[in-house]
Amino acid sequence: MTKKAVKSTPAKKTAKAPGVEALRKDVAVLKADAKVVLDDIKVVAHDGRRSALRKGKRLAKSAGSRFEDANHAMKSTVRDKPMRAIGASFAAGWLLGALRRK
């Protein structure tokens, strides 16, 4: 048996296939869902940025206070033991100079 080729005729532009309306509704729902997801992502990103900024400020403040404490301790040590401070400075300079020559 031979099969005959069936020619399809194009549908009229006014006629709609049965599933087209369902697909359009599904696409509309998908667009709405995508918008909600993108809005949620924006909120999460904004909250994450805000949290990171707060943490960065806390760390900077902590580092600043630690630096001030170290600076105060160093000044006290230099005032209390000036010869030891001069010797440490000389040794550090000599060491850096020796390393630089190589």
Protein backbone atom coordinates (compact mmCIF):
# COMPACT_ATOMS: atom_id res chain seq x y z
CA MET A 1 0.00 0.00 0.00
CA THR A 2 1.18 3.43 -0.82
CA LYS A 3 0.45 6.35 1.37
CA LYS A 4 -0.90 9.44 -0.21
CA ALA A 5 0.58 12.73 0.84
CA VAL A 6 -2.02 14.91 2.44
CA LYS A 7 -1.62 18.56 1.73
CA SER A 8 -2.45 20.76 4.63
CA THR A 9 -4.24 23.94 3.98
CA PRO A 10 -3.32 26.97 5.99
CA ALA A 11 -5.88 27.91 8.61
CA LYS A 12 -7.72 31.13 8.20
CA LYS A 13 -6.21 33.98 10.15
CA THR A 14 -9.42 34.50 12.06
CA ALA A 15 -9.69 30.87 13.17
CA LYS A 16 -7.68 29.92 16.27
CA ALA A 17 -6.32 26.53 17.13
CA PRO A 18 -7.88 25.04 20.27
CA GLY A 19 -4.75 25.28 22.48
CA VAL A 20 -3.65 28.79 21.50
CA GLU A 21 -5.75 30.57 24.11
CA ALA A 22 -4.54 28.20 26.81
CA LEU A 23 -0.94 28.85 25.76
CA ARG A 24 -1.51 32.60 25.85
CA LYS A 25 -2.93 32.34 29.36
CA ASP A 26 0.00 30.17 30.44
CA VAL A 27 2.47 32.70 29.01
CA ALA A 28 0.69 35.52 30.83
CA VAL A 29 0.87 33.58 34.11
CA LEU A 30 4.54 32.80 33.46
CA LYS A 31 5.29 36.48 32.87
CA ALA A 32 3.56 37.43 36.12
CA ASP A 33 5.45 34.73 38.03
CA ALA A 34 8.76 35.85 36.51
CA LYS A 35 8.04 39.43 37.58
CA VAL A 36 7.35 38.29 41.15
CA VAL A 37 10.58 36.27 41.20
CA LEU A 38 12.61 39.21 39.89
CA ASP A 39 11.05 41.51 42.48
CA ASP A 40 11.95 39.01 45.21
CA ILE A 41 15.52 38.80 43.91
CA LYS A 42 15.79 42.60 44.03
CA VAL A 43 14.59 42.63 47.65
CA VAL A 44 17.05 39.90 48.67
CA ALA A 45 19.93 41.65 46.88
CA HIS A 46 19.06 44.96 48.52
CA ASP A 47 18.88 43.36 51.97
CA GLY A 48 22.18 41.57 51.37
CA ARG A 49 23.85 44.78 50.30
CA ARG A 50 22.51 46.60 53.34
CA SER A 51 23.69 43.80 55.66
CA ALA A 52 27.16 43.78 54.07
CA LEU A 53 27.38 47.56 54.45
CA ARG A 54 26.50 47.35 58.16
CA LYS A 55 29.07 44.59 58.68
CA GLY A 56 31.72 46.60 56.83
CA LYS A 57 31.05 49.63 59.03
CA ARG A 58 31.34 47.51 62.18
CA LEU A 59 34.63 46.01 60.98
CA ALA A 60 36.03 49.43 60.08
CA LYS A 61 35.08 50.80 63.47
CA SER A 62 36.65 47.81 65.21
CA ALA A 63 39.83 48.11 63.15
CA GLY A 64 40.02 51.82 63.91
CA SER A 65 39.77 51.26 67.65
CA ARG A 66 42.38 48.46 67.50
CA PHE A 67 44.72 50.78 65.57
CA GLU A 68 44.24 53.52 68.17
CA ASP A 69 44.99 51.03 70.97
CA ALA A 70 48.15 49.79 69.21
CA ASN A 71 49.26 53.36 68.52
CA HIS A 72 48.77 54.30 72.16
CA ALA A 73 50.68 51.21 73.33
CA MET A 74 53.55 51.96 70.93
CA LYS A 75 53.80 55.58 72.10
CA SER A 76 53.80 54.45 75.73
CA THR A 77 56.55 51.92 75.04
CA VAL A 78 58.70 54.50 73.24
CA ARG A 79 58.24 56.95 76.11
CA ASP A 80 59.02 54.34 78.77
CA LYS A 81 61.95 52.65 76.98
CA PRO A 82 63.46 55.01 74.38
CA MET A 83 66.74 53.10 73.92
CA ARG A 84 64.92 49.84 73.18
CA ALA A 85 62.75 51.70 70.61
CA ILE A 86 65.85 53.14 68.93
CA GLY A 87 67.49 49.69 68.86
CA ALA A 88 64.37 48.09 67.37
CA SER A 89 64.18 50.80 64.69
CA PHE A 90 67.86 50.36 63.85
CA ALA A 91 67.48 46.56 63.61
CA ALA A 92 64.39 46.84 61.40
CA GLY A 93 66.17 49.30 59.10
CA TRP A 94 69.25 47.13 58.86
CA LEU A 95 67.15 44.04 58.09
CA LEU A 96 65.14 45.79 55.38
CA GLY A 97 68.34 47.17 53.86
CA ALA A 98 69.95 43.72 53.83
CA LEU A 99 66.89 42.19 52.18
CA ARG A 100 66.76 44.93 49.58
CA ARG A 101 70.37 44.42 48.52
CA LYS A 102 69.81 40.76 47.63
